[in-house]
Each structure stands twice: as C-alpha cells, then as structure tokens.
Amino acid sequence: MVVSDNGTELTSNAMLKWQEDRQVEWHYIAPGKPMQNGFVESFNGRLRDECLNEHLFPNLRHARHLIAAWRDDYNHHRPHSSLDGLTPREYHKRSEEDQTLNRANL
C-alpha cells in the first residue's frame, strides 16, 4: 500500500499505470492535511535538512553515495525517540524476534 499527497508527480498517467499494473493499493491524504502523513513529512524534512541542503551534488553518482551514507546512519546508528531509543534496525530485529517467539508459542 502507498499513501501519498495529491502532488502531480503522484497523479500522472505514468504513475497511475504503474500502480494499476502492479495492483498497488493507493490512498491519498486530504488536500492541505500533511499531518495525515506525518511520519513521512518528518522523514522528508530530516533528509532535506540533514543531507540534501548540506551538500552540492556534482552528479547523480555523488548524490546517491551521500544519500546512501545518510540512510545508513539514519537506519543503523541513530536512535529514534519514537522507537524507545532504538535504531530502526534494532527495532526491526526485535520485532522479528518477537514474531518468532509468538509463532513458537502457538
């Protein structure tokens, strides 16, 4: 499932065809209500402020390299208050362990 705003890049014929071809369920947030998608707005703001606005990218390869490094730090090294101080990687690992234990107890 994809949740998005009503931006033109996400309502184009090409995107609608991609969605239909892959049978992706799509939900649009209400116009003028970015907090309906708050976690994405927060992530995009952090990416923009901490990475995109901090660098000049001479080419796409350089941009991909720096964004990958930022993403690695964000997911593997930086604790998140919304995850009780865990990194997303640690949270995911703990979630998988909990699911394994739950299956074993069925």
PDB file of N, CA and C in Angstrom:
ATOM      1  N   MET A   1       0.840  -1.168   0.000  1.00  0.00           N
ATOM      2  CA  MET A   1       0.000   0.000   0.000  1.00  0.00           C
ATOM      3  C   MET A   1       0.891   1.238   0.000  1.00  0.00           C
ATOM      4  N   VAL A   2       0.472   2.250  -0.718  1.00  0.00           N
ATOM      5  CA  VAL A   2       1.165   3.530  -0.778  1.00  0.00           C
ATOM      6  C   VAL A   2       0.199   4.603  -0.297  1.00  0.00           C
ATOM      7  N   VAL A   3       0.706   5.496   0.544  1.00  0.00           N
ATOM      8  CA  VAL A   3      -0.060   6.660   0.983  1.00  0.00           C
ATOM      9  C   VAL A   3       0.703   7.876   0.494  1.00  0.00           C
ATOM     10  N   SER A   4       0.008   8.803  -0.167  1.00  0.00           N
ATOM     11  CA  SER A   4       0.695   9.976  -0.703  1.00  0.00           C
ATOM     12  C   SER A   4      -0.221  11.181  -0.698  1.00  0.00           C
ATOM     13  N   ASP A   5       0.402  12.327  -0.944  1.00  0.00           N
ATOM     14  CA  ASP A   5      -0.400  13.518  -1.152  1.00  0.00           C
ATOM     15  C   ASP A   5      -0.889  13.505  -2.596  1.00  0.00           C
ATOM     16  N   ASN A   6      -1.466  14.587  -3.023  1.00  0.00           N
ATOM     17  CA  ASN A   6      -2.029  14.646  -4.368  1.00  0.00           C
ATOM     18  C   ASN A   6      -1.112  15.378  -5.339  1.00  0.00           C
ATOM     19  N   GLY A   7       0.191  15.338  -5.075  1.00  0.00           N
ATOM     20  CA  GLY A   7       1.151  16.004  -5.948  1.00  0.00           C
ATOM     21  C   GLY A   7       1.074  15.478  -7.371  1.00  0.00           C
ATOM     22  N   THR A   8       1.346  16.358  -8.321  1.00  0.00           N
ATOM     23  CA  THR A   8       1.209  15.975  -9.729  1.00  0.00           C
ATOM     24  C   THR A   8       2.108  14.808 -10.107  1.00  0.00           C
ATOM     25  N   GLU A   9       3.284  14.692  -9.450  1.00  0.00           N
ATOM     26  CA  GLU A   9       4.171  13.578  -9.778  1.00  0.00           C
ATOM     27  C   GLU A   9       3.574  12.243  -9.366  1.00  0.00           C
ATOM     28  N   LEU A  10       2.601  12.266  -8.460  1.00  0.00           N
ATOM     29  CA  LEU A  10       1.986  11.023  -7.994  1.00  0.00           C
ATOM     30  C   LEU A  10       0.591  10.797  -8.563  1.00  0.00           C
ATOM     31  N   THR A  11       0.136  11.686  -9.405  1.00  0.00           N
ATOM     32  CA  THR A  11      -1.180  11.513 -10.029  1.00  0.00           C
ATOM     33  C   THR A  11      -1.070  11.493 -11.550  1.00  0.00           C
ATOM     34  N   SER A  12       0.144  11.398 -12.062  1.00  0.00           N
ATOM     35  CA  SER A  12       0.350  11.383 -13.510  1.00  0.00           C
ATOM     36  C   SER A  12      -0.141  10.066 -14.106  1.00  0.00           C
ATOM     37  N   ASN A  13      -0.375  10.075 -15.397  1.00  0.00           N
ATOM     38  CA  ASN A  13      -0.820   8.857 -16.081  1.00  0.00           C
ATOM     39  C   ASN A  13       0.199   7.735 -15.941  1.00  0.00           C
ATOM     40  N   ALA A  14       1.494   8.069 -15.999  1.00  0.00           N
ATOM     41  CA  ALA A  14       2.533   7.038 -15.871  1.00  0.00           C
ATOM     42  C   ALA A  14       2.479   6.385 -14.494  1.00  0.00           C
ATOM     43  N   MET A  15       2.294   7.185 -13.449  1.00  0.00           N
ATOM     44  CA  MET A  15       2.226   6.630 -12.098  1.00  0.00           C
ATOM     45  C   MET A  15       0.955   5.812 -11.913  1.00  0.00           C
ATOM     46  N   LEU A  16      -0.146   6.293 -12.441  1.00  0.00           N
ATOM     47  CA  LEU A  16      -1.400   5.546 -12.337  1.00  0.00           C
ATOM     48  C   LEU A  16      -1.305   4.208 -13.062  1.00  0.00           C
ATOM     49  N   LYS A  17      -0.620   4.180 -14.217  1.00  0.00           N
ATOM     50  CA  LYS A  17      -0.427   2.922 -14.949  1.00  0.00           C
ATOM     51  C   LYS A  17       0.467   1.978 -14.145  1.00  0.00           C
ATOM     52  N   TRP A  18       1.551   2.510 -13.567  1.00  0.00           N
ATOM     53  CA  TRP A  18       2.448   1.693 -12.741  1.00  0.00           C
ATOM     54  C   TRP A  18       1.660   1.064 -11.596  1.00  0.00           C
ATOM     55  N   GLN A  19       0.839   1.872 -10.924  1.00  0.00           N
ATOM     56  CA  GLN A  19       0.027   1.394  -9.807  1.00  0.00           C
ATOM     57  C   GLN A  19      -0.922   0.292 -10.255  1.00  0.00           C
ATOM     58  N   GLU A  20      -1.586   0.507 -11.375  1.00  0.00           N
ATOM     59  CA  GLU A  20      -2.550  -0.474 -11.882  1.00  0.00           C
ATOM     60  C   GLU A  20      -1.857  -1.769 -12.298  1.00  0.00           C
ATOM     61  N   ASP A  21      -0.743  -1.652 -13.022  1.00  0.00           N
ATOM     62  CA  ASP A  21      -0.016  -2.835 -13.499  1.00  0.00           C
ATOM     63  C   ASP A  21       0.453  -3.722 -12.347  1.00  0.00           C
ATOM     64  N   ARG A  22       0.796  -3.108 -11.227  1.00  0.00           N
ATOM     65  CA  ARG A  22       1.330  -3.855 -10.083  1.00  0.00           C
ATOM     66  C   ARG A  22       0.287  -4.106  -9.002  1.00  0.00           C
ATOM     67  N   GLN A  23      -0.921  -3.666  -9.257  1.00  0.00           N
ATOM     68  CA  GLN A  23      -2.038  -3.833  -8.320  1.00  0.00           C
ATOM     69  C   GLN A  23      -1.689  -3.299  -6.929  1.00  0.00           C
ATOM     70  N   VAL A  24      -1.106  -2.102  -6.919  1.00  0.00           N
ATOM     71  CA  VAL A  24      -0.734  -1.451  -5.672  1.00  0.00           C
ATOM     72  C   VAL A  24      -1.933  -0.666  -5.152  1.00  0.00           C
ATOM     73  N   GLU A  25      -2.277  -0.905  -3.898  1.00  0.00           N
ATOM     74  CA  GLU A  25      -3.349  -0.146  -3.260  1.00  0.00           C
ATOM     75  C   GLU A  25      -2.816   1.251  -2.938  1.00  0.00           C
ATOM     76  N   TRP A  26      -3.554   2.287  -3.305  1.00  0.00           N
ATOM     77  CA  TRP A  26      -3.083   3.660  -3.155  1.00  0.00           C
ATOM     78  C   TRP A  26      -4.102   4.474  -2.391  1.00  0.00           C
ATOM     79  N   HIS A  27      -3.641   5.193  -1.395  1.00  0.00           N
ATOM     80  CA  HIS A  27      -4.509   6.078  -0.619  1.00  0.00           C
ATOM     81  C   HIS A  27      -3.922   7.481  -0.661  1.00  0.00           C
ATOM     82  N   TYR A  28      -4.767   8.460  -0.933  1.00  0.00           N
ATOM     83  CA  TYR A  28      -4.342   9.859  -0.954  1.00  0.00           C
ATOM     84  C   TYR A  28      -4.787  10.543   0.332  1.00  0.00           C
ATOM     85  N   ILE A  29      -3.893  11.347   0.908  1.00  0.00           N
ATOM     86  CA  ILE A  29      -4.286  12.135   2.070  1.00  0.00           C
ATOM     87  C   ILE A  29      -5.134  13.304   1.592  1.00  0.00           C
ATOM     88  N   ALA A  30      -5.890  13.881   2.504  1.00  0.00           N
ATOM     89  CA  ALA A  30      -6.748  15.013   2.153  1.00  0.00           C
ATOM     90  C   ALA A  30      -5.889  16.218   1.768  1.00  0.00           C
ATOM     91  N   PRO A  31      -6.291  16.964   0.758  1.00  0.00           N
ATOM     92  CA  PRO A  31      -5.533  18.165   0.367  1.00  0.00           C
ATOM     93  C   PRO A  31      -5.370  19.125   1.550  1.00  0.00           C
ATOM     94  N   GLY A  32      -4.154  19.641   1.708  1.00  0.00           N
ATOM     95  CA  GLY A  32      -3.880  20.592   2.781  1.00  0.00           C
ATOM     96  C   GLY A  32      -3.770  19.978   4.160  1.00  0.00           C
ATOM     97  N   LYS A  33      -3.627  18.659   4.252  1.00  0.00           N
ATOM     98  CA  LYS A  33      -3.550  17.961   5.545  1.00  0.00           C
ATOM     99  C   LYS A  33      -2.276  17.113   5.633  1.00  0.00           C
ATOM    100  N   PRO A  34      -1.080  17.737   5.598  1.00  0.00           N
ATOM    101  CA  PRO A  34       0.159  16.950   5.603  1.00  0.00           C
ATOM    102  C   PRO A  34       0.337  16.089   6.842  1.00  0.00           C
ATOM    103  N   MET A  35      -0.292  16.447   7.958  1.00  0.00           N
ATOM    104  CA  MET A  35      -0.117  15.641   9.167  1.00  0.00           C
ATOM    105  C   MET A  35      -0.836  14.299   9.084  1.00  0.00           C
ATOM    106  N   GLN A  36      -1.685  14.107   8.071  1.00  0.00           N
ATOM    107  CA  GLN A  36      -2.257  12.777   7.858  1.00  0.00           C
ATOM    108  C   GLN A  36      -1.172  11.802   7.409  1.00  0.00           C
ATOM    109  N   ASN A  37      -0.037  12.333   7.020  1.00  0.00           N
ATOM    110  CA  ASN A  37       1.109  11.540   6.583  1.00  0.00           C
ATOM    111  C   ASN A  37       2.341  12.032   7.347  1.00  0.00           C
ATOM    112  N   GLY A  38       2.164  12.305   8.646  1.00  0.00           N
ATOM    113  CA  GLY A  38       3.168  12.978   9.450  1.00  0.00           C
ATOM    114  C   GLY A  38       4.523  12.310   9.497  1.00  0.00           C
ATOM    115  N   PHE A  39       4.559  10.971   9.594  1.00  0.00           N
ATOM    116  CA  PHE A  39       5.855  10.297   9.688  1.00  0.00           C
ATOM    117  C   PHE A  39       6.673  10.491   8.415  1.00  0.00           C
ATOM    118  N   VAL A  40       6.005  10.546   7.266  1.00  0.00           N
ATOM    119  CA  VAL A  40       6.718  10.771   6.003  1.00  0.00           C
ATOM    120  C   VAL A  40       7.175  12.222   5.916  1.00  0.00           C
ATOM    121  N   GLU A  41       6.314  13.150   6.336  1.00  0.00           N
ATOM    122  CA  GLU A  41       6.691  14.563   6.344  1.00  0.00           C
ATOM    123  C   GLU A  41       7.912  14.771   7.237  1.00  0.00           C
ATOM    124  N   SER A  42       7.945  14.119   8.389  1.00  0.00           N
ATOM    125  CA  SER A  42       9.074  14.227   9.306  1.00  0.00           C
ATOM    126  C   SER A  42      10.346  13.668   8.674  1.00  0.00           C
ATOM    127  N   PHE A  43      10.239  12.479   8.077  1.00  0.00           N
ATOM    128  CA  PHE A  43      11.402  11.871   7.428  1.00  0.00           C
ATOM    129  C   PHE A  43      11.921  12.752   6.299  1.00  0.00           C
ATOM    130  N   ASN A  44      11.019  13.226   5.446  1.00  0.00           N
ATOM    131  CA  ASN A  44      11.437  14.068   4.322  1.00  0.00           C
ATOM    132  C   ASN A  44      12.117  15.343   4.806  1.00  0.00           C
ATOM    133  N   GLY A  45      11.607  15.925   5.899  1.00  0.00           N
ATOM    134  CA  GLY A  45      12.230  17.123   6.455  1.00  0.00           C
ATOM    135  C   GLY A  45      13.638  16.851   6.953  1.00  0.00           C
ATOM    136  N   ARG A  46      13.818  15.723   7.628  1.00  0.00           N
ATOM    137  CA  ARG A  46      15.156  15.369   8.114  1.00  0.00           C
ATOM    138  C   ARG A  46      16.117  15.114   6.951  1.00  0.00           C
ATOM    139  N   LEU A  47      15.672  14.367   5.962  1.00  0.00           N
ATOM    140  CA  LEU A  47      16.521  14.103   4.799  1.00  0.00           C
ATOM    141  C   LEU A  47      16.926  15.411   4.131  1.00  0.00           C
ATOM    142  N   ARG A  48      15.971  16.289   3.948  1.00  0.00           N
ATOM    143  CA  ARG A  48      16.255  17.573   3.301  1.00  0.00           C
ATOM    144  C   ARG A  48      17.228  18.401   4.140  1.00  0.00           C
ATOM    145  N   ASP A  49      16.932  18.555   5.461  1.00  0.00           N
ATOM    146  CA  ASP A  49      17.741  19.428   6.311  1.00  0.00           C
ATOM    147  C   ASP A  49      19.127  18.869   6.601  1.00  0.00           C
ATOM    148  N   GLU A  50      19.228  17.558   6.794  1.00  0.00           N
ATOM    149  CA  GLU A  50      20.488  16.955   7.225  1.00  0.00           C
ATOM    150  C   GLU A  50      21.367  16.480   6.079  1.00  0.00           C
ATOM    151  N   CYS A  51      20.797  16.310   4.904  1.00  0.00           N
ATOM    152  CA  CYS A  51      21.585  15.762   3.793  1.00  0.00           C
ATOM    153  C   CYS A  51      21.492  16.633   2.542  1.00  0.00           C
ATOM    154  N   LEU A  52      20.299  16.756   2.001  1.00  0.00           N
ATOM    155  CA  LEU A  52      20.159  17.431   0.708  1.00  0.00           C
ATOM    156  C   LEU A  52      20.577  18.895   0.754  1.00  0.00           C
ATOM    157  N   ASN A  53      20.216  19.609   1.823  1.00  0.00           N
ATOM    158  CA  ASN A  53      20.574  21.026   1.921  1.00  0.00           C
ATOM    159  C   ASN A  53      22.014  21.248   2.355  1.00  0.00           C
ATOM    160  N   GLU A  54      22.693  20.204   2.790  1.00  0.00           N
ATOM    161  CA  GLU A  54      24.059  20.325   3.284  1.00  0.00           C
ATOM    162  C   GLU A  54      25.118  20.096   2.207  1.00  0.00           C
ATOM    163  N   HIS A  55      24.719  19.606   1.061  1.00  0.00           N
ATOM    164  CA  HIS A  55      25.693  19.227   0.041  1.00  0.00           C
ATOM    165  C   HIS A  55      25.321  19.779  -1.332  1.00  0.00           C
ATOM    166  N   LEU A  56      26.342  20.041  -2.114  1.00  0.00           N
ATOM    167  CA  LEU A  56      26.159  20.289  -3.540  1.00  0.00           C
ATOM    168  C   LEU A  56      26.555  19.003  -4.243  1.00  0.00           C
ATOM    169  N   PHE A  57      25.678  18.494  -5.062  1.00  0.00           N
ATOM    170  CA  PHE A  57      25.928  17.228  -5.738  1.00  0.00           C
ATOM    171  C   PHE A  57      26.387  17.504  -7.166  1.00  0.00           C
ATOM    172  N   PRO A  58      27.649  17.222  -7.481  1.00  0.00           N
ATOM    173  CA  PRO A  58      28.124  17.484  -8.843  1.00  0.00           C
ATOM    174  C   PRO A  58      27.544  16.522  -9.881  1.00  0.00           C
ATOM    175  N   ASN A  59      27.074  15.359  -9.410  1.00  0.00           N
ATOM    176  CA  ASN A  59      26.490  14.395 -10.340  1.00  0.00           C
ATOM    177  C   ASN A  59      25.610  13.416  -9.559  1.00  0.00           C
ATOM    178  N   LEU A  60      24.878  12.610 -10.285  1.00  0.00           N
ATOM    179  CA  LEU A  60      23.949  11.667  -9.669  1.00  0.00           C
ATOM    180  C   LEU A  60      24.677  10.623  -8.827  1.00  0.00           C
ATOM    181  N   ARG A  61      25.824  10.176  -9.288  1.00  0.00           N
ATOM    182  CA  ARG A  61      26.591   9.171  -8.543  1.00  0.00           C
ATOM    183  C   ARG A  61      26.971   9.689  -7.156  1.00  0.00           C
ATOM    184  N   HIS A  62      27.435  10.924  -7.106  1.00  0.00           N
ATOM    185  CA  HIS A  62      27.810  11.536  -5.833  1.00  0.00           C
ATOM    186  C   HIS A  62      26.590  11.679  -4.922  1.00  0.00           C
ATOM    187  N   ALA A  63      25.476  12.105  -5.477  1.00  0.00           N
ATOM    188  CA  ALA A  63      24.235  12.238  -4.705  1.00  0.00           C
ATOM    189  C   ALA A  63      23.826  10.887  -4.124  1.00  0.00           C
ATOM    190  N   ARG A  64      23.853   9.859  -4.940  1.00  0.00           N
ATOM    191  CA  ARG A  64      23.475   8.520  -4.459  1.00  0.00           C
ATOM    192  C   ARG A  64      24.382   8.056  -3.329  1.00  0.00           C
ATOM    193  N   HIS A  65      25.677   8.330  -3.456  1.00  0.00           N
ATOM    194  CA  HIS A  65      26.644   7.926  -2.429  1.00  0.00           C
ATOM    195  C   HIS A  65      26.347   8.623  -1.098  1.00  0.00           C
ATOM    196  N   LEU A  66      26.159   9.935  -1.125  1.00  0.00           N
ATOM    197  CA  LEU A  66      25.915  10.675   0.112  1.00  0.00           C
ATOM    198  C   LEU A  66      24.558  10.341   0.727  1.00  0.00           C
ATOM    199  N   ILE A  67      23.555  10.152  -0.104  1.00  0.00           N
ATOM    200  CA  ILE A  67      22.233   9.786   0.413  1.00  0.00           C
ATOM    201  C   ILE A  67      22.273   8.391   1.030  1.00  0.00           C
ATOM    202  N   ALA A  68      23.005   7.470   0.413  1.00  0.00           N
ATOM    203  CA  ALA A  68      23.139   6.116   0.974  1.00  0.00           C
ATOM    204  C   ALA A  68      23.833   6.165   2.331  1.00  0.00           C
ATOM    205  N   ALA A  69      24.859   7.001   2.465  1.00  0.00           N
ATOM    206  CA  ALA A  69      25.557   7.127   3.748  1.00  0.00           C
ATOM    207  C   ALA A  69      24.625   7.713   4.808  1.00  0.00           C
ATOM    208  N   TRP A  70      23.834   8.716   4.430  1.00  0.00           N
ATOM    209  CA  TRP A  70      22.873   9.306   5.371  1.00  0.00           C
ATOM    210  C   TRP A  70      21.832   8.269   5.784  1.00  0.00           C
ATOM    211  N   ARG A  71      21.325   7.523   4.821  1.00  0.00           N
ATOM    212  CA  ARG A  71      20.309   6.499   5.095  1.00  0.00           C
ATOM    213  C   ARG A  71      20.865   5.415   6.027  1.00  0.00           C
ATOM    214  N   ASP A  72      22.115   5.019   5.812  1.00  0.00           N
ATOM    215  CA  ASP A  72      22.736   4.020   6.681  1.00  0.00           C
ATOM    216  C   ASP A  72      22.809   4.534   8.116  1.00  0.00           C
ATOM    217  N   ASP A  73      23.240   5.774   8.283  1.00  0.00           N
ATOM    218  CA  ASP A  73      23.300   6.357   9.624  1.00  0.00           C
ATOM    219  C   ASP A  73      21.911   6.427  10.239  1.00  0.00           C
ATOM    220  N   TYR A  74      20.932   6.878   9.478  1.00  0.00           N
ATOM    221  CA  TYR A  74      19.560   7.039   9.968  1.00  0.00           C
ATOM    222  C   TYR A  74      18.968   5.706  10.424  1.00  0.00           C
ATOM    223  N   ASN A  75      19.216   4.649   9.681  1.00  0.00           N
ATOM    224  CA  ASN A  75      18.600   3.349   9.970  1.00  0.00           C
ATOM    225  C   ASN A  75      19.408   2.449  10.897  1.00  0.00           C
ATOM    226  N   HIS A  76      20.728   2.609  10.920  1.00  0.00           N
ATOM    227  CA  HIS A  76      21.570   1.644  11.625  1.00  0.00           C
ATOM    228  C   HIS A  76      22.297   2.194  12.844  1.00  0.00           C
ATOM    229  N   HIS A  77      22.426   3.512  12.943  1.00  0.00           N
ATOM    230  CA  HIS A  77      23.252   4.063  14.019  1.00  0.00           C
ATOM    231  C   HIS A  77      22.545   5.094  14.885  1.00  0.00           C
ATOM    232  N   ARG A  78      21.509   5.712  14.391  1.00  0.00           N
ATOM    233  CA  ARG A  78      20.856   6.805  15.105  1.00  0.00           C
ATOM    234  C   ARG A  78      19.648   6.309  15.888  1.00  0.00           C
ATOM    235  N   PRO A  79      19.653   6.489  17.210  1.00  0.00           N
ATOM    236  CA  PRO A  79      18.471   6.109  17.983  1.00  0.00           C
ATOM    237  C   PRO A  79      17.301   7.045  17.672  1.00  0.00           C
ATOM    238  N   HIS A  80      16.096   6.498  17.723  1.00  0.00           N
ATOM    239  CA  HIS A  80      14.880   7.260  17.439  1.00  0.00           C
ATOM    240  C   HIS A  80      14.004   7.261  18.686  1.00  0.00           C
ATOM    241  N   SER A  81      13.595   8.434  19.112  1.00  0.00           N
ATOM    242  CA  SER A  81      12.756   8.525  20.315  1.00  0.00           C
ATOM    243  C   SER A  81      11.431   7.798  20.120  1.00  0.00           C
ATOM    244  N   SER A  82      10.910   7.802  18.904  1.00  0.00           N
ATOM    245  CA  SER A  82       9.633   7.121  18.646  1.00  0.00           C
ATOM    246  C   SER A  82       9.759   5.601  18.724  1.00  0.00           C
ATOM    247  N   LEU A  83      10.994   5.098  18.749  1.00  0.00           N
ATOM    248  CA  LEU A  83      11.240   3.656  18.868  1.00  0.00           C
ATOM    249  C   LEU A  83      11.875   3.330  20.220  1.00  0.00           C
ATOM    250  N   ASP A  84      11.579   4.144  21.216  1.00  0.00           N
ATOM    251  CA  ASP A  84      12.121   3.965  22.574  1.00  0.00           C
ATOM    252  C   ASP A  84      13.642   3.925  22.593  1.00  0.00           C
ATOM    253  N   GLY A  85      14.267   4.774  21.794  1.00  0.00           N
ATOM    254  CA  GLY A  85      15.720   4.881  21.800  1.00  0.00           C
ATOM    255  C   GLY A  85      16.446   3.836  20.977  1.00  0.00           C
ATOM    256  N   LEU A  86      15.717   3.009  20.263  1.00  0.00           N
ATOM    257  CA  LEU A  86      16.346   2.011  19.387  1.00  0.00           C
ATOM    258  C   LEU A  86      16.577   2.612  18.011  1.00  0.00           C
ATOM    259  N   THR A  87      17.502   2.028  17.270  1.00  0.00           N
ATOM    260  CA  THR A  87      17.622   2.376  15.857  1.00  0.00           C
ATOM    261  C   THR A  87      16.545   1.599  15.103  1.00  0.00           C
ATOM    262  N   PRO A  88      16.168   2.038  13.909  1.00  0.00           N
ATOM    263  CA  PRO A  88      15.204   1.248  13.139  1.00  0.00           C
ATOM    264  C   PRO A  88      15.662  -0.194  12.933  1.00  0.00           C
ATOM    265  N   ARG A  89      16.954  -0.389  12.725  1.00  0.00           N
ATOM    266  CA  ARG A  89      17.467  -1.751  12.545  1.00  0.00           C
ATOM    267  C   ARG A  89      17.248  -2.591  13.801  1.00  0.00           C
ATOM    268  N   GLU A  90      17.565  -2.012  14.966  1.00  0.00           N
ATOM    269  CA  GLU A  90      17.365  -2.737  16.225  1.00  0.00           C
ATOM    270  C   GLU A  90      15.884  -3.029  16.460  1.00  0.00           C
ATOM    271  N   TYR A  91      15.042  -2.055  16.144  1.00  0.00           N
ATOM    272  CA  TYR A  91      13.603  -2.232  16.318  1.00  0.00           C
ATOM    273  C   TYR A  91      13.091  -3.358  15.426  1.00  0.00           C
ATOM    274  N   HIS A  92      13.547  -3.380  14.186  1.00  0.00           N
ATOM    275  CA  HIS A  92      13.139  -4.420  13.241  1.00  0.00           C
ATOM    276  C   HIS A  92      13.588  -5.794  13.740  1.00  0.00           C
ATOM    277  N   LYS A  93      14.830  -5.876  14.189  1.00  0.00           N
ATOM    278  CA  LYS A  93      15.354  -7.152  14.690  1.00  0.00           C
ATOM    279  C   LYS A  93      14.540  -7.631  15.891  1.00  0.00           C
ATOM    280  N   ARG A  94      14.242  -6.723  16.808  1.00  0.00           N
ATOM    281  CA  ARG A  94      13.447  -7.090  17.986  1.00  0.00           C
ATOM    282  C   ARG A  94      12.049  -7.544  17.574  1.00  0.00           C
ATOM    283  N   SER A  95      11.472  -6.868  16.597  1.00  0.00           N
ATOM    284  CA  SER A  95      10.143  -7.234  16.107  1.00  0.00           C
ATOM    285  C   SER A  95      10.154  -8.635  15.500  1.00  0.00           C
ATOM    286  N   GLU A  96      11.185  -8.936  14.706  1.00  0.00           N
ATOM    287  CA  GLU A  96      11.294 -10.279  14.125  1.00  0.00           C
ATOM    288  C   GLU A  96      11.456 -11.334  15.215  1.00  0.00           C
ATOM    289  N   GLU A  97      12.250 -11.043  16.234  1.00  0.00           N
ATOM    290  CA  GLU A  97      12.436 -11.990  17.339  1.00  0.00           C
ATOM    291  C   GLU A  97      11.116 -12.226  18.073  1.00  0.00           C
ATOM    292  N   ASP A  98      10.357 -11.148  18.289  1.00  0.00           N
ATOM    293  CA  ASP A  98       9.051 -11.285  18.948  1.00  0.00           C
ATOM    294  C   ASP A  98       8.106 -12.142  18.112  1.00  0.00           C
ATOM    295  N   GLN A  99       8.112 -11.944  16.801  1.00  0.00           N
ATOM    296  CA  GLN A  99       7.243 -12.737  15.926  1.00  0.00           C
ATOM    297  C   GLN A  99       7.632 -14.207  15.964  1.00  0.00           C
ATOM    298  N   THR A 100       8.930 -14.482  15.989  1.00  0.00           N
ATOM    299  CA  THR A 100       9.407 -15.864  16.061  1.00  0.00           C
ATOM    300  C   THR A 100       8.948 -16.511  17.365  1.00  0.00           C
ATOM    301  N   LEU A 101       9.073 -15.782  18.467  1.00  0.00           N
ATOM    302  CA  LEU A 101       8.622 -16.315  19.757  1.00  0.00           C
ATOM    303  C   LEU A 101       7.119 -16.540  19.761  1.00  0.00           C
ATOM    304  N   ASN A 102       6.373 -15.615  19.190  1.00  0.00           N
ATOM    305  CA  ASN A 102       4.915 -15.764  19.142  1.00  0.00           C
ATOM    306  C   ASN A 102       4.508 -16.986  18.325  1.00  0.00           C
ATOM    307  N   ARG A 103       5.185 -17.228  17.199  1.00  0.00           N
ATOM    308  CA  ARG A 103       4.877 -18.405  16.377  1.00  0.00           C
ATOM    309  C   ARG A 103       5.201 -19.688  17.133  1.00  0.00           C
ATOM    310  N   ALA A 104       6.297 -19.671  17.877  1.00  0.00           N
ATOM    311  CA  ALA A 104       6.710 -20.859  18.631  1.00  0.00           C
ATOM    312  C   ALA A 104       5.728 -21.172  19.756  1.00  0.00           C
ATOM    313  N   ASN A 105       5.050 -20.155  20.248  1.00  0.00           N
ATOM    314  CA  ASN A 105       4.112 -20.345  21.360  1.00  0.00           C
ATOM    315  C   ASN A 105       2.699 -20.661  20.902  1.00  0.00           C
ATOM    316  N   LEU A 106       2.468 -20.767  19.604  1.00  0.00           N
ATOM    317  CA  LEU A 106       1.115 -21.078  19.111  1.00  0.00           C
ATOM    318  C   LEU A 106       0.759 -22.504  19.315  1.00  0.00           C
TER     319      LEU A 106
END
